[in-house]
Amino acid sequence: MALNSKTLAAILDDDDLLLLDTVQSQKYPSILQLEDISDTQCKHLFRFDKGGLNDLRCMLEIPQVFRCNNRTVCSGMEGLCVVIRRLAYPNRLDDLSPLFGRTKFELSNIFNTSLDYIYENYSYLLDTLDRPWLSLDQLQVMATAIKNKNSPLENCWGFIDGTVRPICRPAHNQRIVYNGHKRVHGLKFQSIMAPNGIIAHFYGPVEGRRHDAGLLRESGVEIDMHRHMTTPNNEVYCVYGDPAYPLTPYIIPPFKGEYTDHEEKSGDQPPKEEQSYQCPDCKKILKSISGFRGHMTKQHKKSKTKASDHRVTATSCATAGNSKSPSPSCSVDIESILHGASLRTLTRLEECPMHNLFGESVIVRLARFCSKAQFLEQPLVGHLKDIFSSNLCDPHSRELFFTKFHSLRLSECVQTECVSLFILNGCEEKREDIIHFLQEFLLELPSEIL
């Protein structure tokens, strides 16, 4: 009766706001009462049970009441539930109105006010890697967990990537936020995620046109990793990123060359050889049956030739292709290539801002020492001749090159030989510092050789 009187008064007084409020109150009755729902229902709605919601509210120090800019008032628990529900599942505000008994305008203000409170008080947790749960012991635990999933990296503790979030096309300066790769106007963000599912570092937003490498440089996260991800023995913990990121001691991108079919197979069965088809007239190799039939029909007017009668394997093709004698012009002078590449690598190490962050570092001093003495390539020539024994134009040979180069970088014999040469030439640095310098030098050398 009171509700009908309220509606009648709104109509008679021509009060649109009162009428709208009455209709909305009828359409969206308040049905969310945490006391009346079970833990299973609560976890289904918010991914937390009722005890978890109370713990989260206490840890985040959510106030008793949220007051929005438009004077909407809600309890702290209701504001937290609105935020969690919006983040737990992609909902429109209209979909949440029956759940919380509020209009979409109220829910929008409650969500923004609650989220602003959390961001203003706890966003600093994503600005730095200097956190107790990212100690060196915990980094080793996470690196071991990744290694146990058949990762070839033993010191990788997380994964870095950037993302583009589309926005409405702006009226002015559209090129600044336009991302040519995704073909949308948007803002870019960068984050590092640990294997436990927690985002360890977050940076953004920046203009959508920026490259991932630009975000990496601007965020300064590599400097932060240099401070907190280096052990007393000069060992580093790295993160894995996509090919857009540069290769550094702290960021490892995938191999940027061509992939091959020479993959390791599990089990006792040998890998299946790739089959091709050879034209009996012109000896051309075709990779598919349809390609063979089309070639025979169009080029030789023989549509009835069976592809199965002219099947060849990849091994026989490679044998036939390698039967030719190598050209004399393909011979390479390893000594001259290594000498030039070594000088360029030493110059890069001297000028690298990472090594001059806290003044002249040991790596810079050793790089300058090697540039003057010019002895570092002497123990490496023999090993490089073995590495360059194959033709690097073959993709499999390129993968084999990087595998051998990585083994050279970790070889204790090479380290001992190089340390002895440093000492004989009058170097006074510690053995650990010299080995760390060799690691940096051999990490940068392939990019100057290839």
Protein backbone atom coordinates (compact mmCIF):
# COMPACT_ATOMS: atom_id res chain seq x y z
CA MET A 1 0.00 0.00 0.00
CA ALA A 2 2.79 2.38 0.86
CA LEU A 3 4.55 1.52 -2.41
CA ASN A 4 1.38 2.18 -4.43
CA SER A 5 0.89 5.52 -2.65
CA LYS A 6 4.49 6.44 -3.46
CA THR A 7 3.95 5.61 -7.13
CA LEU A 8 0.67 7.57 -7.23
CA ALA A 9 2.29 10.59 -5.60
CA ALA A 10 5.09 10.49 -8.15
CA ILE A 11 2.61 10.45 -11.02
CA LEU A 12 0.39 13.23 -9.60
CA ASP A 13 3.33 15.52 -8.78
CA ASP A 14 4.91 14.84 -12.17
CA ASP A 15 8.15 13.93 -10.36
CA ASP A 16 10.14 11.93 -12.90
CA LEU A 17 13.02 11.20 -10.53
CA LEU A 18 10.72 9.85 -7.84
CA LEU A 19 8.88 7.74 -10.39
CA LEU A 20 12.13 6.36 -11.80
CA ASP A 21 13.36 5.49 -8.32
CA THR A 22 10.10 3.72 -7.55
CA VAL A 23 10.18 1.65 -10.73
CA GLN A 24 13.82 0.71 -10.23
CA SER A 25 13.14 -0.29 -6.64
CA GLN A 26 10.40 -2.59 -7.87
CA LYS A 27 12.57 -4.11 -10.59
CA TYR A 28 15.75 -4.66 -8.55
CA PRO A 29 14.93 -5.76 -5.01
CA SER A 30 17.96 -6.24 -2.77
CA ILE A 31 18.60 -9.98 -2.64
CA LEU A 32 22.31 -10.17 -1.68
CA GLN A 33 22.67 -11.03 1.99
CA LEU A 34 25.93 -12.82 2.80
CA GLU A 35 24.39 -14.23 5.96
CA ASP A 36 21.70 -16.03 3.96
CA ILE A 37 23.90 -17.72 1.34
CA SER A 38 26.15 -20.76 1.78
CA ASP A 39 29.91 -20.87 1.38
CA THR A 40 29.47 -22.81 -1.87
CA GLN A 41 27.22 -20.14 -3.35
CA CYS A 42 29.52 -17.39 -2.09
CA LYS A 43 32.55 -19.05 -3.70
CA HIS A 44 30.62 -19.51 -6.93
CA LEU A 45 29.76 -15.79 -7.05
CA PHE A 46 33.00 -14.25 -5.76
CA ARG A 47 35.62 -17.06 -5.82
CA PHE A 48 35.94 -16.57 -2.04
CA ASP A 49 33.96 -18.14 0.76
CA LYS A 50 32.49 -15.94 3.48
CA GLY A 51 35.52 -16.38 5.71
CA GLY A 52 37.82 -15.46 2.84
CA LEU A 53 35.83 -12.29 2.14
CA ASN A 54 36.13 -11.21 5.77
CA ASP A 55 39.87 -11.93 5.79
CA LEU A 56 40.33 -9.99 2.55
CA ARG A 57 38.41 -7.04 3.92
CA CYS A 58 40.57 -6.96 7.05
CA MET A 59 43.85 -7.30 5.12
CA LEU A 60 42.89 -4.52 2.68
CA GLU A 61 41.60 -2.38 5.57
CA ILE A 62 38.35 -1.69 3.76
CA PRO A 63 36.41 1.07 5.57
CA GLN A 64 32.99 0.46 7.07
CA VAL A 65 31.27 2.76 4.56
CA PHE A 66 32.03 3.96 1.03
CA ARG A 67 30.64 7.38 0.05
CA CYS A 68 30.65 8.01 -3.71
CA ASN A 69 30.88 11.37 -5.46
CA ASN A 70 27.16 11.29 -6.30
CA ARG A 71 26.35 10.67 -2.60
CA THR A 72 25.66 6.96 -3.08
CA VAL A 73 26.44 5.15 0.16
CA CYS A 74 27.24 1.46 0.57
CA SER A 75 28.94 -0.71 3.14
CA GLY A 76 32.58 -1.63 2.75
CA MET A 77 31.74 -5.30 2.30
CA GLU A 78 29.24 -4.50 -0.45
CA GLY A 79 31.80 -2.38 -2.29
CA LEU A 80 34.36 -5.17 -2.02
CA CYS A 81 31.84 -7.72 -3.31
CA VAL A 82 31.00 -5.50 -6.30
CA VAL A 83 34.70 -5.22 -7.22
CA ILE A 84 35.36 -8.95 -6.82
CA ARG A 85 32.27 -9.94 -8.81
CA ARG A 86 33.23 -7.61 -11.66
CA LEU A 87 36.75 -9.05 -11.75
CA ALA A 88 35.75 -12.69 -11.24
CA TYR A 89 33.51 -12.91 -14.30
CA PRO A 90 32.79 -10.59 -17.27
CA ASN A 91 29.51 -8.98 -16.22
CA ARG A 92 27.62 -5.97 -17.47
CA LEU A 93 26.33 -3.61 -14.82
CA ASP A 94 22.76 -4.46 -15.84
CA ASP A 95 23.50 -8.12 -15.06
CA LEU A 96 24.61 -7.22 -11.53
CA SER A 97 21.60 -5.08 -10.73
CA PRO A 98 19.33 -8.01 -9.74
CA LEU A 99 22.14 -9.45 -7.59
CA PHE A 100 22.94 -6.33 -5.56
CA GLY A 101 19.57 -4.61 -5.78
CA ARG A 102 21.04 -1.40 -7.19
CA THR A 103 20.86 0.43 -10.48
CA LYS A 104 23.71 0.29 -12.94
CA PHE A 105 24.52 3.94 -12.19
CA GLU A 106 24.93 3.19 -8.50
CA LEU A 107 26.99 0.07 -9.21
CA SER A 108 29.28 2.04 -11.51
CA ASN A 109 30.02 4.61 -8.81
CA ILE A 110 30.43 1.95 -6.12
CA PHE A 111 32.84 -0.05 -8.29
CA ASN A 112 34.97 2.97 -9.20
CA THR A 113 35.09 4.29 -5.63
CA SER A 114 36.06 0.91 -4.16
CA LEU A 115 38.64 0.24 -6.85
CA ASP A 116 40.19 3.70 -6.42
CA TYR A 117 40.56 3.06 -2.70
CA ILE A 118 42.38 -0.25 -3.28
CA TYR A 119 44.63 1.25 -5.97
CA GLU A 120 45.59 4.33 -3.95
CA ASN A 121 46.57 2.25 -0.93
CA TYR A 122 48.19 -0.83 -2.47
CA SER A 123 49.37 -0.05 -6.01
CA TYR A 124 52.93 0.36 -4.70
CA LEU A 125 53.13 -3.43 -4.36
CA LEU A 126 53.44 -3.70 -8.17
CA ASP A 127 56.03 -0.93 -8.63
CA THR A 128 59.13 -2.78 -7.41
CA LEU A 129 60.56 -6.28 -7.15
CA ASP A 130 61.91 -5.67 -3.65
CA ARG A 131 59.37 -7.92 -1.92
CA PRO A 132 59.78 -10.64 0.75
CA TRP A 133 58.13 -13.27 -1.44
CA LEU A 134 60.72 -12.51 -4.17
CA SER A 135 63.78 -13.31 -2.06
CA LEU A 136 66.63 -15.28 -3.58
CA ASP A 137 65.43 -18.47 -1.87
CA GLN A 138 61.91 -18.04 -3.24
CA LEU A 139 63.29 -17.25 -6.71
CA GLN A 140 65.18 -20.55 -6.63
CA VAL A 141 61.98 -22.39 -5.66
CA MET A 142 60.08 -20.83 -8.59
CA ALA A 143 62.98 -21.48 -10.99
CA THR A 144 63.01 -25.12 -9.91
CA ALA A 145 59.26 -25.39 -10.50
CA ILE A 146 59.68 -24.08 -14.05
CA LYS A 147 62.68 -26.36 -14.64
CA ASN A 148 60.62 -29.38 -13.54
CA LYS A 149 58.20 -28.66 -16.40
CA ASN A 150 60.93 -29.57 -18.93
CA SER A 151 62.24 -26.03 -19.28
CA PRO A 152 65.80 -25.77 -20.65
CA LEU A 153 66.40 -22.71 -18.43
CA GLU A 154 67.54 -23.36 -14.88
CA ASN A 155 67.35 -19.76 -13.63
CA CYS A 156 64.01 -18.59 -15.06
CA TRP A 157 61.56 -17.51 -12.35
CA GLY A 158 58.79 -15.68 -14.27
CA PHE A 159 57.33 -14.51 -17.56
CA ILE A 160 57.12 -11.00 -19.00
CA ASP A 161 54.72 -9.76 -21.65
CA GLY A 162 52.84 -6.68 -22.81
CA THR A 163 49.19 -6.29 -23.69
CA VAL A 164 47.06 -3.77 -25.56
CA ARG A 165 43.69 -2.75 -24.15
CA PRO A 166 41.45 -1.19 -26.83
CA ILE A 167 39.92 2.24 -26.20
CA CYS A 168 37.51 4.46 -28.10
CA ARG A 169 39.12 6.28 -30.99
CA PRO A 170 40.10 9.75 -29.75
CA ALA A 171 39.13 12.86 -31.67
CA HIS A 172 42.68 14.25 -31.63
CA ASN A 173 46.16 12.67 -31.80
CA GLN A 174 44.86 9.31 -32.95
CA ARG A 175 48.28 8.13 -34.14
CA ILE A 176 49.69 8.33 -30.63
CA VAL A 177 47.43 5.57 -29.31
CA TYR A 178 47.04 3.54 -32.52
CA ASN A 179 48.67 0.11 -32.38
CA GLY A 180 49.62 -1.09 -35.86
CA HIS A 181 50.13 -4.69 -34.76
CA LYS A 182 46.66 -5.13 -33.27
CA ARG A 183 45.09 -2.51 -35.57
CA VAL A 184 43.21 -0.83 -32.73
CA HIS A 185 43.45 2.36 -30.70
CA GLY A 186 44.51 1.38 -27.22
CA LEU A 187 46.76 1.65 -24.20
CA LYS A 188 49.64 -0.72 -23.47
CA PHE A 189 50.57 -2.40 -20.21
CA GLN A 190 53.49 -4.61 -19.18
CA SER A 191 53.51 -7.21 -16.44
CA ILE A 192 55.69 -9.98 -15.02
CA MET A 193 53.90 -13.06 -13.72
CA ALA A 194 55.40 -15.64 -11.40
CA PRO A 195 54.57 -19.37 -11.70
CA ASN A 196 52.34 -19.11 -8.61
CA GLY A 197 49.96 -16.90 -10.61
CA ILE A 198 50.85 -13.63 -8.85
CA ILE A 199 51.74 -10.55 -10.91
CA ALA A 200 55.12 -9.47 -9.54
CA HIS A 201 55.50 -6.22 -11.49
CA PHE A 202 53.09 -4.05 -13.44
CA TYR A 203 53.70 -0.96 -15.57
CA GLY A 204 51.33 1.22 -17.55
CA PRO A 205 49.39 2.61 -19.17
CA VAL A 206 51.39 4.10 -22.04
CA GLU A 207 50.49 5.04 -25.60
CA GLY A 208 49.37 2.15 -27.75
CA ARG A 209 51.97 2.78 -30.45
CA ARG A 210 54.88 1.98 -28.12
CA HIS A 211 56.87 -1.21 -28.68
CA ASP A 212 57.32 -3.82 -25.94
CA ALA A 213 61.05 -3.06 -25.85
CA GLY A 214 60.23 0.61 -25.28
CA LEU A 215 57.99 -0.28 -22.34
CA LEU A 216 60.77 -2.43 -20.91
CA ARG A 217 63.27 0.43 -21.07
CA GLU A 218 60.83 3.02 -19.73
CA SER A 219 59.62 0.86 -16.84
CA GLY A 220 63.15 0.39 -15.46
CA VAL A 221 62.31 -3.16 -14.40
CA GLU A 222 65.64 -4.46 -15.72
CA ILE A 223 67.49 -2.11 -13.38
CA ASP A 224 65.30 -3.39 -10.55
CA MET A 225 66.15 -6.97 -11.53
CA HIS A 226 69.84 -6.11 -11.56
CA ARG A 227 69.53 -4.97 -7.95
CA HIS A 228 67.38 -7.76 -6.54
CA MET A 229 67.80 -10.77 -8.88
CA THR A 230 71.59 -11.12 -8.66
CA THR A 231 73.15 -13.51 -6.15
CA PRO A 232 76.38 -12.78 -4.23
CA ASN A 233 78.12 -15.18 -6.66
CA ASN A 234 77.07 -12.96 -9.61
CA GLU A 235 74.49 -15.50 -10.78
CA VAL A 236 71.28 -14.01 -12.12
CA TYR A 237 67.62 -15.01 -12.21
CA CYS A 238 65.89 -14.18 -15.47
CA VAL A 239 62.38 -13.97 -16.91
CA TYR A 240 61.18 -15.37 -20.23
CA GLY A 241 59.57 -13.12 -22.85
CA ASP A 242 58.42 -13.20 -26.46
CA PRO A 243 60.69 -12.32 -29.43
CA ALA A 244 59.83 -8.60 -29.07
CA TYR A 245 62.16 -8.33 -26.07
CA PRO A 246 65.96 -8.02 -26.40
CA LEU A 247 68.30 -10.72 -25.18
CA THR A 248 69.87 -9.64 -21.87
CA PRO A 249 71.17 -11.51 -18.82
CA TYR A 250 67.81 -10.92 -17.10
CA ILE A 251 65.41 -11.37 -20.04
CA ILE A 252 65.54 -14.43 -22.31
CA PRO A 253 63.51 -14.36 -25.55
CA PRO A 254 63.02 -17.45 -27.74
CA PHE A 255 65.35 -18.41 -30.57
CA LYS A 256 64.72 -15.95 -33.42
CA GLY A 257 65.96 -18.17 -36.25
CA GLU A 258 64.01 -20.68 -38.30
CA TYR A 259 62.64 -23.75 -36.56
CA THR A 260 63.38 -27.21 -37.93
CA ASP A 261 61.83 -30.64 -37.85
CA HIS A 262 64.74 -32.01 -35.79
CA GLU A 263 62.72 -32.20 -32.56
CA GLU A 264 63.39 -34.65 -29.78
CA LYS A 265 60.85 -37.46 -29.72
CA SER A 266 59.85 -39.20 -26.51
CA GLY A 267 59.60 -43.00 -26.50
CA ASP A 268 61.36 -45.69 -28.46
CA GLN A 269 59.86 -44.90 -31.87
CA PRO A 270 62.21 -43.11 -34.27
CA PRO A 271 61.04 -39.78 -35.68
CA LYS A 272 58.98 -40.05 -38.85
CA GLU A 273 60.83 -38.82 -41.91
CA GLU A 274 59.23 -36.15 -44.03
CA GLN A 275 58.27 -37.42 -47.48
CA SER A 276 58.45 -35.51 -50.74
CA TYR A 277 57.83 -36.31 -54.40
CA GLN A 278 60.33 -35.94 -57.24
CA CYS A 279 59.37 -35.16 -60.80
CA PRO A 280 60.74 -37.94 -63.09
CA ASP A 281 61.36 -35.49 -65.94
CA CYS A 282 62.92 -32.35 -64.41
CA LYS A 283 63.91 -33.87 -61.02
CA LYS A 284 62.13 -31.10 -59.11
CA ILE A 285 61.25 -31.89 -55.47
CA LEU A 286 57.62 -31.23 -54.47
CA LYS A 287 56.40 -31.45 -50.86
CA SER A 288 52.80 -32.60 -51.39
CA ILE A 289 50.80 -34.94 -53.60
CA SER A 290 48.63 -32.11 -54.89
CA GLY A 291 51.73 -30.12 -55.78
CA PHE A 292 53.20 -33.11 -57.62
CA ARG A 293 49.99 -33.68 -59.61
CA GLY A 294 49.67 -30.00 -60.49
CA HIS A 295 53.29 -29.84 -61.60
CA MET A 296 53.02 -32.95 -63.79
CA THR A 297 49.75 -31.75 -65.36
CA LYS A 298 50.74 -28.15 -66.07
CA GLN A 299 54.45 -28.52 -66.86
CA HIS A 300 54.65 -31.93 -68.51
CA LYS A 301 51.04 -32.66 -69.57
CA LYS A 302 51.08 -35.97 -67.70
CA SER A 303 47.99 -36.13 -65.52
CA LYS A 304 48.05 -39.90 -64.90
CA THR A 305 51.50 -40.13 -63.28
CA LYS A 306 51.20 -41.58 -59.75
CA ALA A 307 52.86 -39.65 -56.95
CA SER A 308 53.42 -42.85 -54.92
CA ASP A 309 55.79 -44.15 -57.61
CA HIS A 310 58.07 -41.13 -57.19
CA ARG A 311 58.12 -40.72 -53.42
CA VAL A 312 61.44 -39.70 -51.82
CA THR A 313 62.44 -39.09 -48.18
CA ALA A 314 64.03 -36.02 -46.68
CA THR A 315 67.24 -37.98 -46.06
CA SER A 316 67.67 -38.86 -49.71
CA CYS A 317 66.94 -35.27 -50.72
CA ALA A 318 69.57 -33.98 -48.34
CA THR A 319 72.10 -36.52 -49.60
CA ALA A 320 71.46 -35.50 -53.17
CA GLY A 321 71.68 -31.84 -52.28
CA ASN A 322 74.95 -32.23 -50.37
CA SER A 323 76.69 -34.21 -53.12
CA LYS A 324 77.99 -31.03 -54.68
CA SER A 325 81.43 -29.85 -53.68
CA PRO A 326 81.49 -26.66 -51.63
CA SER A 327 82.37 -23.48 -53.43
CA PRO A 328 85.80 -21.97 -52.65
CA SER A 329 84.10 -18.60 -52.10
CA CYS A 330 82.32 -19.98 -49.01
CA SER A 331 85.53 -20.32 -47.00
CA VAL A 332 85.62 -18.01 -43.98
CA ASP A 333 88.59 -16.63 -42.09
CA ILE A 334 87.54 -17.33 -38.50
CA GLU A 335 90.42 -15.33 -36.98
CA SER A 336 89.50 -12.09 -38.74
CA ILE A 337 85.78 -12.49 -38.01
CA LEU A 338 86.42 -13.21 -34.33
CA HIS A 339 88.83 -10.30 -33.96
CA GLY A 340 86.34 -7.75 -35.28
CA ALA A 341 83.43 -9.27 -33.37
CA SER A 342 85.44 -9.29 -30.13
CA LEU A 343 86.32 -5.60 -30.42
CA ARG A 344 82.70 -4.66 -31.10
CA THR A 345 81.49 -6.78 -28.19
CA LEU A 346 84.00 -5.23 -25.79
CA THR A 347 82.94 -1.76 -26.91
CA ARG A 348 79.30 -2.63 -26.23
CA LEU A 349 80.16 -3.86 -22.74
CA GLU A 350 82.09 -0.67 -21.99
CA GLU A 351 79.24 1.56 -23.13
CA CYS A 352 76.34 -0.46 -21.68
CA PRO A 353 74.41 1.76 -19.21
CA MET A 354 73.55 -1.27 -17.06
CA HIS A 355 77.22 -1.77 -16.20
CA ASN A 356 77.74 1.94 -15.43
CA LEU A 357 74.71 2.27 -13.20
CA PHE A 358 76.68 2.60 -9.96
CA GLY A 359 79.91 3.93 -11.39
CA GLU A 360 82.52 2.00 -13.29
CA SER A 361 81.86 -1.71 -12.72
CA VAL A 362 84.24 -4.66 -12.85
CA ILE A 363 82.86 -5.66 -16.26
CA VAL A 364 83.70 -2.24 -17.71
CA ARG A 365 87.24 -2.39 -16.31
CA LEU A 366 87.82 -5.89 -17.68
CA ALA A 367 86.38 -4.94 -21.08
CA ARG A 368 88.75 -1.98 -21.27
CA PHE A 369 91.63 -4.22 -20.15
CA CYS A 370 90.89 -6.76 -22.91
CA SER A 371 90.56 -4.04 -25.54
CA LYS A 372 94.10 -2.90 -24.81
CA ALA A 373 95.69 -6.35 -24.44
CA GLN A 374 93.73 -8.06 -27.27
CA PHE A 375 94.29 -11.62 -26.08
CA LEU A 376 90.77 -12.83 -25.35
CA GLU A 377 90.09 -14.35 -28.76
CA GLN A 378 93.20 -16.59 -28.61
CA PRO A 379 91.64 -19.42 -26.54
CA LEU A 380 88.35 -19.19 -28.46
CA VAL A 381 89.59 -19.64 -32.04
CA GLY A 382 89.88 -23.42 -31.87
CA HIS A 383 86.44 -23.83 -30.34
CA LEU A 384 84.85 -21.48 -32.87
CA LYS A 385 86.37 -23.41 -35.77
CA ASP A 386 84.57 -26.50 -34.51
CA ILE A 387 81.33 -24.54 -34.06
CA PHE A 388 81.54 -23.06 -37.57
CA SER A 389 82.32 -26.43 -39.15
CA SER A 390 78.79 -26.62 -40.62
CA ASN A 391 76.95 -24.35 -43.03
CA LEU A 392 74.92 -21.81 -41.03
CA CYS A 393 72.49 -21.42 -43.92
CA ASP A 394 70.91 -24.69 -42.79
CA PRO A 395 68.34 -24.01 -40.01
CA HIS A 396 69.34 -27.16 -38.14
CA SER A 397 72.97 -26.05 -38.23
CA ARG A 398 71.99 -22.68 -36.77
CA GLU A 399 70.30 -24.40 -33.84
CA LEU A 400 73.33 -26.63 -33.42
CA PHE A 401 75.55 -23.53 -33.48
CA PHE A 402 73.70 -21.94 -30.56
CA THR A 403 73.74 -25.23 -28.64
CA LYS A 404 77.51 -25.55 -29.03
CA PHE A 405 78.03 -21.89 -28.20
CA HIS A 406 76.03 -22.30 -25.00
CA SER A 407 78.18 -25.31 -24.06
CA LEU A 408 81.29 -23.22 -24.74
CA ARG A 409 79.95 -20.50 -22.44
CA LEU A 410 79.54 -22.99 -19.58
CA SER A 411 82.76 -24.93 -20.18
CA GLU A 412 84.99 -24.98 -17.09
CA CYS A 413 88.07 -25.73 -19.23
CA VAL A 414 87.54 -22.57 -21.27
CA GLN A 415 86.96 -20.56 -18.10
CA THR A 416 90.17 -21.87 -16.51
CA GLU A 417 92.18 -21.17 -19.67
CA CYS A 418 90.83 -17.63 -19.98
CA VAL A 419 91.40 -16.85 -16.29
CA SER A 420 95.02 -17.99 -16.65
CA LEU A 421 95.50 -15.64 -19.62
CA PHE A 422 94.05 -12.75 -17.62
CA ILE A 423 96.49 -13.41 -14.78
CA LEU A 424 99.47 -13.78 -17.14
CA ASN A 425 98.64 -10.42 -18.73
CA GLY A 426 98.67 -8.67 -15.35
CA CYS A 427 94.98 -8.61 -14.42
CA GLU A 428 94.38 -8.16 -10.68
CA GLU A 429 90.63 -8.82 -10.57
CA LYS A 430 89.10 -11.76 -8.70
CA ARG A 431 88.51 -15.09 -10.41
CA GLU A 432 84.73 -14.84 -9.84
CA ASP A 433 84.63 -11.40 -11.48
CA ILE A 434 86.62 -12.64 -14.48
CA ILE A 435 84.25 -15.60 -14.95
CA HIS A 436 81.25 -13.28 -14.72
CA PHE A 437 82.82 -11.04 -17.36
CA LEU A 438 83.40 -14.06 -19.64
CA GLN A 439 79.72 -14.99 -19.29
CA GLU A 440 78.68 -11.49 -20.35
CA PHE A 441 81.20 -11.44 -23.21
CA LEU A 442 80.13 -14.81 -24.64
CA LEU A 443 76.47 -13.85 -24.27
CA GLU A 444 76.93 -10.79 -26.48
CA LEU A 445 79.43 -12.28 -28.96
CA PRO A 446 77.00 -14.30 -31.18
CA SER A 447 75.02 -11.18 -32.10
CA GLU A 448 78.22 -9.62 -33.49
CA ILE A 449 79.32 -12.75 -35.36
CA LEU A 450 76.07 -13.62 -37.14
